Protein backbone atom coordinates (compact mmCIF):
# COMPACT_ATOMS: atom_id res chain seq x y z
CA MET A 1 -63.20 35.87 -13.59
CA ALA A 2 -61.70 37.48 -16.70
CA THR A 3 -58.30 39.10 -16.59
CA ALA A 4 -56.33 41.21 -19.01
CA TYR A 5 -54.28 38.10 -19.67
CA ASP A 6 -57.34 36.38 -21.21
CA THR A 7 -57.44 38.70 -24.19
CA GLN A 8 -53.85 39.50 -25.01
CA LEU A 9 -50.53 37.81 -25.56
CA ALA A 10 -48.46 38.04 -22.37
CA SER A 11 -44.75 37.41 -21.83
CA ALA A 12 -43.90 35.65 -18.60
CA VAL A 13 -40.95 34.12 -16.78
CA THR A 14 -41.65 30.48 -15.91
CA PHE A 15 -40.24 28.72 -12.88
CA ARG A 16 -40.72 25.57 -10.82
CA ALA A 17 -41.73 25.20 -7.22
CA GLY A 18 -42.05 21.54 -6.42
CA PRO A 19 -43.45 19.65 -9.39
CA GLN A 20 -45.64 22.56 -10.57
CA ARG A 21 -44.80 25.17 -13.20
CA TYR A 22 -45.62 28.81 -12.39
CA ALA A 23 -45.11 32.09 -14.20
CA LEU A 24 -44.72 35.77 -13.38
CA PRO A 25 -45.58 38.60 -15.80
CA ILE A 26 -42.30 39.72 -17.38
CA GLU A 27 -42.99 43.37 -16.59
CA ARG A 28 -42.89 42.53 -12.87
CA VAL A 29 -39.52 40.73 -13.05
CA ARG A 30 -36.54 42.97 -12.36
CA GLU A 31 -33.79 40.36 -12.55
CA ILE A 32 -32.89 36.72 -12.07
CA GLN A 33 -29.76 35.64 -10.23
CA LYS A 34 -28.35 32.81 -8.19
CA ILE A 35 -28.93 33.00 -4.47
CA VAL A 36 -26.54 35.22 -2.55
CA ALA A 37 -25.78 35.31 1.15
CA PHE A 38 -28.52 37.10 3.01
CA ALA A 39 -28.88 38.35 6.57
CA GLU A 40 -31.23 35.96 8.30
CA VAL A 41 -33.94 38.01 9.96
CA PRO A 42 -36.96 35.72 9.85
CA ASP A 43 -40.35 37.17 10.68
CA GLU A 44 -42.82 35.72 13.19
CA ASN A 45 -44.58 33.46 10.68
CA GLY A 46 -41.38 32.41 8.90
CA THR A 47 -42.26 33.86 5.50
CA VAL A 48 -39.48 36.44 5.20
CA LEU A 49 -36.20 34.52 5.45
CA GLY A 50 -33.98 37.56 5.58
CA MET A 51 -32.61 40.59 3.76
CA VAL A 52 -30.15 40.87 0.91
CA ASP A 53 -28.21 43.85 -0.39
CA ILE A 54 -28.67 44.08 -4.16
CA ARG A 55 -26.49 46.88 -5.49
CA GLY A 56 -27.03 49.01 -2.40
CA GLU A 57 -30.76 48.32 -2.07
CA ILE A 58 -31.99 46.24 0.89
CA VAL A 59 -34.46 43.64 -0.41
CA PRO A 60 -36.51 41.12 1.61
CA VAL A 61 -36.00 37.46 0.70
CA VAL A 62 -39.06 35.17 0.56
CA ASP A 63 -39.16 31.50 -0.42
CA VAL A 64 -41.99 31.01 -2.90
CA ARG A 65 -42.58 27.55 -1.42
CA THR A 66 -43.94 29.10 1.79
CA LEU A 67 -46.27 31.35 -0.21
CA ILE A 68 -47.85 28.44 -2.06
CA GLY A 69 -47.94 25.98 0.82
CA LEU A 70 -45.00 23.70 0.05
CA PRO A 71 -42.41 22.61 2.64
CA LEU A 72 -39.08 24.42 2.51
CA GLU A 73 -36.06 22.73 0.94
CA LEU A 74 -32.37 23.38 1.47
CA HIS A 75 -30.87 26.13 -0.66
CA THR A 76 -27.59 25.67 -2.51
CA LEU A 77 -25.32 28.05 -4.40
CA GLU A 78 -27.27 27.04 -7.52
CA THR A 79 -30.68 28.03 -6.10
CA PRO A 80 -32.15 30.88 -8.17
CA MET A 81 -33.83 34.06 -6.99
CA ILE A 82 -36.26 36.11 -9.03
CA VAL A 83 -36.22 39.75 -7.95
CA VAL A 84 -39.69 41.13 -8.59
CA ARG A 85 -41.30 44.55 -8.52
CA SER A 86 -44.15 44.46 -6.02
CA SER A 87 -46.46 47.22 -4.86
CA VAL A 88 -44.29 47.58 -1.73
CA GLY A 89 -40.93 47.51 -3.52
CA PRO A 90 -38.53 44.84 -4.71
CA VAL A 91 -38.71 41.34 -3.25
CA ALA A 92 -36.31 38.45 -3.92
CA LEU A 93 -38.27 35.24 -4.44
CA ILE A 94 -36.37 31.99 -3.96
CA VAL A 95 -37.63 29.35 -6.42
CA ASP A 96 -36.60 25.77 -7.20
CA ALA A 97 -35.67 26.43 -10.84
CA VAL A 98 -36.09 29.22 -13.36
CA GLU A 99 -37.06 27.95 -16.79
CA THR A 100 -37.52 30.49 -19.56
CA VAL A 101 -39.45 33.46 -20.89
CA VAL A 102 -42.57 32.32 -22.72
CA GLU A 103 -45.40 33.92 -24.62
CA LEU A 104 -48.73 32.99 -23.06
CA PRO A 105 -51.11 32.89 -26.02
CA ALA A 106 -54.40 34.77 -25.93
CA GLY A 107 -57.44 32.53 -25.72
CA LEU A 108 -55.71 29.68 -23.91
CA ALA A 109 -56.09 31.17 -20.45
CA GLY A 110 -58.68 30.45 -17.82
CA ALA A 111 -59.32 31.42 -14.24
CA ALA A 112 -58.10 29.16 -11.45
CA PRO A 113 -60.98 27.14 -9.99
CA GLU A 114 -62.28 28.87 -6.85
CA MET A 115 -61.69 25.73 -4.80
CA HIS A 116 -57.95 25.92 -5.54
CA SER A 117 -56.09 27.38 -2.56
CA LEU A 118 -54.17 29.80 -4.81
CA ALA A 119 -57.21 30.97 -6.82
CA SER A 120 -57.17 34.50 -5.42
CA ARG A 121 -53.45 34.85 -6.20
CA VAL A 122 -53.55 33.57 -9.79
CA LEU A 123 -54.10 35.92 -12.73
CA ALA A 124 -54.78 33.07 -15.14
CA VAL A 125 -54.08 29.41 -15.79
CA HIS A 126 -52.53 28.61 -19.18
CA ARG A 127 -52.01 25.32 -20.97
CA LEU A 128 -48.46 25.37 -22.29
CA ASP A 129 -46.49 22.39 -23.61
CA ASP A 130 -49.19 19.96 -22.37
CA GLU A 131 -48.87 21.33 -18.85
CA LEU A 132 -50.82 23.83 -16.78
CA VAL A 133 -48.93 27.01 -15.90
CA PHE A 134 -50.23 29.24 -13.11
CA LEU A 135 -49.61 32.93 -13.89
CA LEU A 136 -49.23 34.48 -10.43
CA ASP A 137 -50.34 37.92 -9.29
CA ILE A 138 -47.23 39.03 -7.41
CA ASP A 139 -49.04 41.54 -5.17
CA ALA A 140 -51.77 39.07 -4.20
CA LEU A 141 -49.13 36.38 -3.64
CA LEU A 142 -47.23 38.65 -1.23
CA GLU A 143 -50.36 40.06 0.44
CA PRO A 144 -50.15 37.86 3.57
CA VAL A 145 -46.44 38.64 3.97
CA ASP A 146 -45.55 41.34 6.49
CA LEU A 147 -42.57 42.80 4.66
CA PRO A 148 -40.05 44.77 6.76
CA ASP A 149 -39.74 48.49 6.15
CA GLU A 150 -35.93 48.53 5.85
CA GLY A 151 -34.83 49.83 2.48
CA ARG A 152 -38.30 50.94 1.40
CA PRO A 153 -38.89 54.63 0.73
CA ALA A 154 -41.45 56.37 2.91
CA ALA A 155 -44.88 56.96 1.37
CA ASP A 156 -44.21 60.71 0.94
CA GLU A 157 -40.87 60.25 -0.87
C-alpha cells in the first residue's frame, strides 16, 4: 500500500506510547501542551476520558494508549497532550512523552505489515535513528472512537 508519505519528505511530531515511537503529520498537529484538568465524562467503552476547555473550545480528551491497545497509566502534571486536527474537530491526545519534530525522508517509508493490529491506522513506517517510527493516520486512529458532539459545529455551519 503506497501512501503520499512514500514519495515525499514529511515533517512529523514524534511521541512515545509505551516503548514504541510514533509520529503524527505536522499539518495535523494544532498544539502541544502539558495536561490540564479536564471534566471526566468517560464514554461507554472508556476511550474518551473527558472534555477540556482550550481557549473557549470544548475538546474531547483521548489517551492514545487506549487507541493502540496499551494499558492506561497514571497521568501527572508533566503528562503531555497533543491537540490534533481530526475530521470531526480538535481532539486532545494524551501521550507518554513528546519528542521532537522530524523530517521523515522519502524512500525510507514502508507500509505496516497487514498482520500488525495498527496496519489500517498507519500511513507509513519509517526507519529513523535505528528505530521504527509508525506515522499514524489520525482519522483512522480515531475512527472507532465515538466522540461527543459538545463543542463541534453542526454539519451545516
